[in-house]
Amino acid sequence: MTQTSFSSRAITPSPVLLRLVINPDEVYRLPEAGQCVRVTSGRAWLTAQGRDVVLEPNRPIRIAPSPEAMLVSSLDGAPVVLEVLN
């Protein structure tokens, strides 16, 4: 039997819950608002709670809790990398 060693260092949980690549001409539906999101590559169009927002890279935005879904699509004809944060 082989022994496995484990590190006693604390593991820091990742702040990223979900990472998506949204291609041009695609729309992604996030189940409900009340999340913090950020774009890490490209630019995105987000619609939530009757408001439209352009998401720029590395500028997180928090959406107030709501049962409504958020819709996200890419801008500028380029793929977007979107992260849903903890």
N, C-alpha and C. Protein backbone atom coordinates (compact mmCIF):
# COMPACT_ATOMS: atom_id res chain seq x y z
N MET A 1 0.84 -1.16 0.00
CA MET A 1 0.00 0.00 0.00
C MET A 1 0.89 1.24 0.00
N THR A 2 0.56 2.19 -0.83
CA THR A 2 1.31 3.42 -0.94
C THR A 2 0.70 4.48 -0.05
N GLN A 3 1.54 5.22 0.59
CA GLN A 3 1.04 6.30 1.42
C GLN A 3 0.98 7.59 0.61
N THR A 4 -0.05 8.34 0.83
CA THR A 4 -0.22 9.63 0.17
C THR A 4 0.00 10.71 1.21
N SER A 5 0.79 11.70 0.84
CA SER A 5 0.99 12.79 1.77
C SER A 5 0.11 13.97 1.36
N PHE A 6 -0.36 14.68 2.35
CA PHE A 6 -1.21 15.83 2.12
C PHE A 6 -0.56 17.05 2.74
N SER A 7 -0.77 18.17 2.12
CA SER A 7 -0.22 19.42 2.64
C SER A 7 -1.16 19.96 3.71
N SER A 8 -0.58 20.55 4.72
CA SER A 8 -1.40 21.13 5.78
C SER A 8 -1.72 22.59 5.48
N ARG A 9 -1.26 23.09 4.33
CA ARG A 9 -1.55 24.48 3.96
C ARG A 9 -3.04 24.64 3.70
N ALA A 10 -3.55 25.78 4.09
CA ALA A 10 -4.96 26.07 3.85
C ALA A 10 -5.17 26.32 2.36
N ILE A 11 -6.26 25.82 1.87
CA ILE A 11 -6.60 26.03 0.47
C ILE A 11 -7.58 27.19 0.41
N THR A 12 -7.23 28.19 -0.34
CA THR A 12 -8.09 29.35 -0.49
C THR A 12 -9.12 29.04 -1.57
N PRO A 13 -10.40 29.15 -1.25
CA PRO A 13 -11.40 28.88 -2.25
C PRO A 13 -11.34 29.90 -3.39
N SER A 14 -11.56 29.42 -4.59
CA SER A 14 -11.56 30.30 -5.75
C SER A 14 -12.77 31.20 -5.73
N PRO A 15 -12.58 32.46 -6.05
CA PRO A 15 -13.74 33.35 -6.10
C PRO A 15 -14.59 33.12 -7.35
N VAL A 16 -14.09 32.30 -8.29
CA VAL A 16 -14.81 32.06 -9.54
C VAL A 16 -15.70 30.83 -9.40
N LEU A 17 -17.01 31.04 -9.51
CA LEU A 17 -17.96 29.93 -9.44
C LEU A 17 -18.18 29.29 -10.80
N LEU A 18 -18.11 30.11 -11.85
CA LEU A 18 -18.40 29.64 -13.20
C LEU A 18 -17.65 30.50 -14.19
N ARG A 19 -17.04 29.88 -15.20
CA ARG A 19 -16.35 30.62 -16.26
C ARG A 19 -16.94 30.16 -17.60
N LEU A 20 -17.38 31.13 -18.40
CA LEU A 20 -18.03 30.84 -19.67
C LEU A 20 -17.31 31.53 -20.81
N VAL A 21 -17.33 30.89 -21.97
CA VAL A 21 -16.91 31.55 -23.19
C VAL A 21 -18.17 31.73 -24.02
N ILE A 22 -18.48 32.98 -24.33
CA ILE A 22 -19.67 33.30 -25.11
C ILE A 22 -19.19 33.79 -26.47
N ASN A 23 -19.55 33.03 -27.50
CA ASN A 23 -19.13 33.36 -28.86
C ASN A 23 -20.05 34.41 -29.46
N PRO A 24 -19.56 35.10 -30.50
CA PRO A 24 -20.43 36.08 -31.18
C PRO A 24 -21.72 35.40 -31.63
N ASP A 25 -22.80 36.15 -31.63
CA ASP A 25 -24.13 35.66 -32.02
C ASP A 25 -24.73 34.65 -31.05
N GLU A 26 -24.17 34.53 -29.86
CA GLU A 26 -24.75 33.68 -28.81
C GLU A 26 -25.26 34.57 -27.68
N VAL A 27 -26.30 34.10 -27.01
CA VAL A 27 -26.82 34.77 -25.82
C VAL A 27 -26.85 33.72 -24.72
N TYR A 28 -26.30 34.05 -23.56
CA TYR A 28 -26.30 33.11 -22.43
C TYR A 28 -27.24 33.65 -21.37
N ARG A 29 -28.02 32.76 -20.81
CA ARG A 29 -28.98 33.12 -19.76
C ARG A 29 -28.46 32.63 -18.42
N LEU A 30 -28.15 33.56 -17.52
CA LEU A 30 -27.78 33.20 -16.15
C LEU A 30 -29.07 33.08 -15.36
N PRO A 31 -29.29 31.99 -14.64
CA PRO A 31 -30.58 31.67 -14.03
C PRO A 31 -31.26 32.76 -13.24
N GLU A 32 -30.57 33.48 -12.42
CA GLU A 32 -31.21 34.56 -11.67
C GLU A 32 -30.18 35.62 -11.33
N ALA A 33 -30.65 36.81 -11.17
CA ALA A 33 -29.75 37.91 -10.82
C ALA A 33 -29.37 37.80 -9.35
N GLY A 34 -28.46 38.65 -8.92
CA GLY A 34 -27.99 38.63 -7.55
C GLY A 34 -26.61 38.02 -7.49
N GLN A 35 -25.86 38.25 -8.56
CA GLN A 35 -24.53 37.66 -8.67
C GLN A 35 -23.54 38.76 -9.03
N CYS A 36 -22.30 38.46 -8.78
CA CYS A 36 -21.23 39.34 -9.20
C CYS A 36 -20.60 38.71 -10.44
N VAL A 37 -20.46 39.48 -11.51
CA VAL A 37 -19.88 38.96 -12.74
C VAL A 37 -18.78 39.89 -13.21
N ARG A 38 -17.85 39.32 -13.99
CA ARG A 38 -16.82 40.14 -14.62
C ARG A 38 -16.42 39.48 -15.94
N VAL A 39 -16.00 40.32 -16.85
CA VAL A 39 -15.47 39.86 -18.13
C VAL A 39 -13.95 39.90 -18.01
N THR A 40 -13.29 38.82 -18.43
CA THR A 40 -11.83 38.81 -18.39
C THR A 40 -11.23 38.99 -19.77
N SER A 41 -12.05 38.81 -20.81
CA SER A 41 -11.59 38.98 -22.18
C SER A 41 -12.76 39.41 -23.05
N GLY A 42 -12.57 40.41 -23.87
CA GLY A 42 -13.63 40.91 -24.73
C GLY A 42 -14.53 41.88 -24.00
N ARG A 43 -15.65 42.22 -24.63
CA ARG A 43 -16.67 43.09 -24.03
C ARG A 43 -18.00 42.40 -24.14
N ALA A 44 -18.88 42.62 -23.16
CA ALA A 44 -20.17 41.93 -23.15
C ALA A 44 -21.30 42.91 -22.93
N TRP A 45 -22.47 42.52 -23.40
CA TRP A 45 -23.72 43.25 -23.18
C TRP A 45 -24.52 42.44 -22.19
N LEU A 46 -24.94 43.04 -21.10
CA LEU A 46 -25.70 42.35 -20.06
C LEU A 46 -27.04 43.05 -19.89
N THR A 47 -28.11 42.27 -19.86
CA THR A 47 -29.44 42.81 -19.57
C THR A 47 -29.93 42.15 -18.30
N ALA A 48 -30.28 42.96 -17.31
CA ALA A 48 -30.78 42.45 -16.03
C ALA A 48 -31.73 43.47 -15.43
N GLN A 49 -32.86 43.00 -14.96
CA GLN A 49 -33.82 43.85 -14.25
C GLN A 49 -34.21 45.08 -15.08
N GLY A 50 -34.36 44.87 -16.39
CA GLY A 50 -34.78 45.95 -17.27
C GLY A 50 -33.71 46.97 -17.60
N ARG A 51 -32.47 46.70 -17.22
CA ARG A 51 -31.35 47.60 -17.49
C ARG A 51 -30.34 46.92 -18.38
N ASP A 52 -29.71 47.69 -19.25
CA ASP A 52 -28.64 47.19 -20.11
C ASP A 52 -27.33 47.80 -19.67
N VAL A 53 -26.29 46.95 -19.62
CA VAL A 53 -24.98 47.39 -19.17
C VAL A 53 -23.93 46.80 -20.10
N VAL A 54 -22.93 47.59 -20.47
CA VAL A 54 -21.78 47.08 -21.21
C VAL A 54 -20.71 46.72 -20.20
N LEU A 55 -20.26 45.47 -20.24
CA LEU A 55 -19.22 45.00 -19.32
C LEU A 55 -17.86 45.10 -19.99
N GLU A 56 -16.96 45.82 -19.35
CA GLU A 56 -15.59 45.98 -19.84
C GLU A 56 -14.69 44.98 -19.09
N PRO A 57 -13.57 44.60 -19.67
CA PRO A 57 -12.68 43.63 -19.02
C PRO A 57 -12.22 44.08 -17.63
N ASN A 58 -12.22 43.10 -16.72
CA ASN A 58 -11.70 43.27 -15.35
C ASN A 58 -12.38 44.37 -14.54
N ARG A 59 -13.65 44.60 -14.82
CA ARG A 59 -14.44 45.56 -14.03
C ARG A 59 -15.68 44.83 -13.53
N PRO A 60 -15.57 44.15 -12.38
CA PRO A 60 -16.71 43.36 -11.87
C PRO A 60 -17.93 44.24 -11.59
N ILE A 61 -19.08 43.63 -11.73
CA ILE A 61 -20.33 44.32 -11.44
C ILE A 61 -21.21 43.37 -10.65
N ARG A 62 -21.88 43.91 -9.62
CA ARG A 62 -22.80 43.10 -8.82
C ARG A 62 -24.21 43.50 -9.19
N ILE A 63 -25.03 42.48 -9.46
CA ILE A 63 -26.42 42.68 -9.80
C ILE A 63 -27.25 42.38 -8.55
N ALA A 64 -28.15 43.28 -8.20
CA ALA A 64 -29.00 43.08 -7.02
C ALA A 64 -29.84 41.82 -7.15
N PRO A 65 -30.11 41.13 -6.04
CA PRO A 65 -30.91 39.91 -6.09
C PRO A 65 -32.27 40.14 -6.75
N SER A 66 -32.63 39.19 -7.61
CA SER A 66 -33.89 39.27 -8.33
C SER A 66 -34.21 37.88 -8.90
N PRO A 67 -35.48 37.51 -8.99
CA PRO A 67 -35.82 36.22 -9.59
C PRO A 67 -35.66 36.22 -11.11
N GLU A 68 -35.46 37.40 -11.69
CA GLU A 68 -35.29 37.50 -13.14
C GLU A 68 -33.92 36.99 -13.57
N ALA A 69 -33.87 36.46 -14.77
CA ALA A 69 -32.60 36.00 -15.33
C ALA A 69 -31.80 37.18 -15.88
N MET A 70 -30.49 36.97 -16.01
CA MET A 70 -29.62 37.93 -16.69
C MET A 70 -29.31 37.35 -18.06
N LEU A 71 -29.29 38.18 -19.08
CA LEU A 71 -28.91 37.77 -20.42
C LEU A 71 -27.58 38.42 -20.76
N VAL A 72 -26.64 37.62 -21.29
CA VAL A 72 -25.31 38.14 -21.61
C VAL A 72 -24.96 37.72 -23.03
N SER A 73 -24.42 38.66 -23.80
CA SER A 73 -23.95 38.36 -25.15
C SER A 73 -22.65 39.12 -25.40
N SER A 74 -21.92 38.70 -26.42
CA SER A 74 -20.65 39.35 -26.73
C SER A 74 -20.89 40.60 -27.58
N LEU A 75 -19.96 41.52 -27.49
CA LEU A 75 -19.97 42.72 -28.32
C LEU A 75 -18.75 42.68 -29.23
N ASP A 76 -18.75 43.50 -30.24
CA ASP A 76 -17.60 43.69 -31.12
C ASP A 76 -17.26 42.47 -31.97
N GLY A 77 -18.15 41.48 -32.06
CA GLY A 77 -17.89 40.31 -32.91
C GLY A 77 -16.76 39.42 -32.44
N ALA A 78 -16.44 39.48 -31.16
CA ALA A 78 -15.35 38.66 -30.60
C ALA A 78 -15.89 37.85 -29.43
N PRO A 79 -15.29 36.68 -29.17
CA PRO A 79 -15.72 35.89 -28.00
C PRO A 79 -15.47 36.65 -26.71
N VAL A 80 -16.26 36.33 -25.69
CA VAL A 80 -16.14 36.94 -24.38
C VAL A 80 -15.92 35.84 -23.36
N VAL A 81 -15.02 36.07 -22.42
CA VAL A 81 -14.87 35.18 -21.27
C VAL A 81 -15.53 35.88 -20.09
N LEU A 82 -16.56 35.24 -19.55
CA LEU A 82 -17.34 35.81 -18.45
C LEU A 82 -17.17 34.93 -17.22
N GLU A 83 -16.95 35.53 -16.07
CA GLU A 83 -16.85 34.79 -14.82
C GLU A 83 -17.97 35.21 -13.88
N VAL A 84 -18.58 34.22 -13.25
CA VAL A 84 -19.54 34.46 -12.18
C VAL A 84 -18.74 34.28 -10.89
N LEU A 85 -18.71 35.30 -10.07
CA LEU A 85 -17.85 35.31 -8.88
C LEU A 85 -18.62 34.95 -7.62
N ASN A 86 -17.87 34.45 -6.65
CA ASN A 86 -18.41 34.06 -5.35
C ASN A 86 -18.74 35.28 -4.53
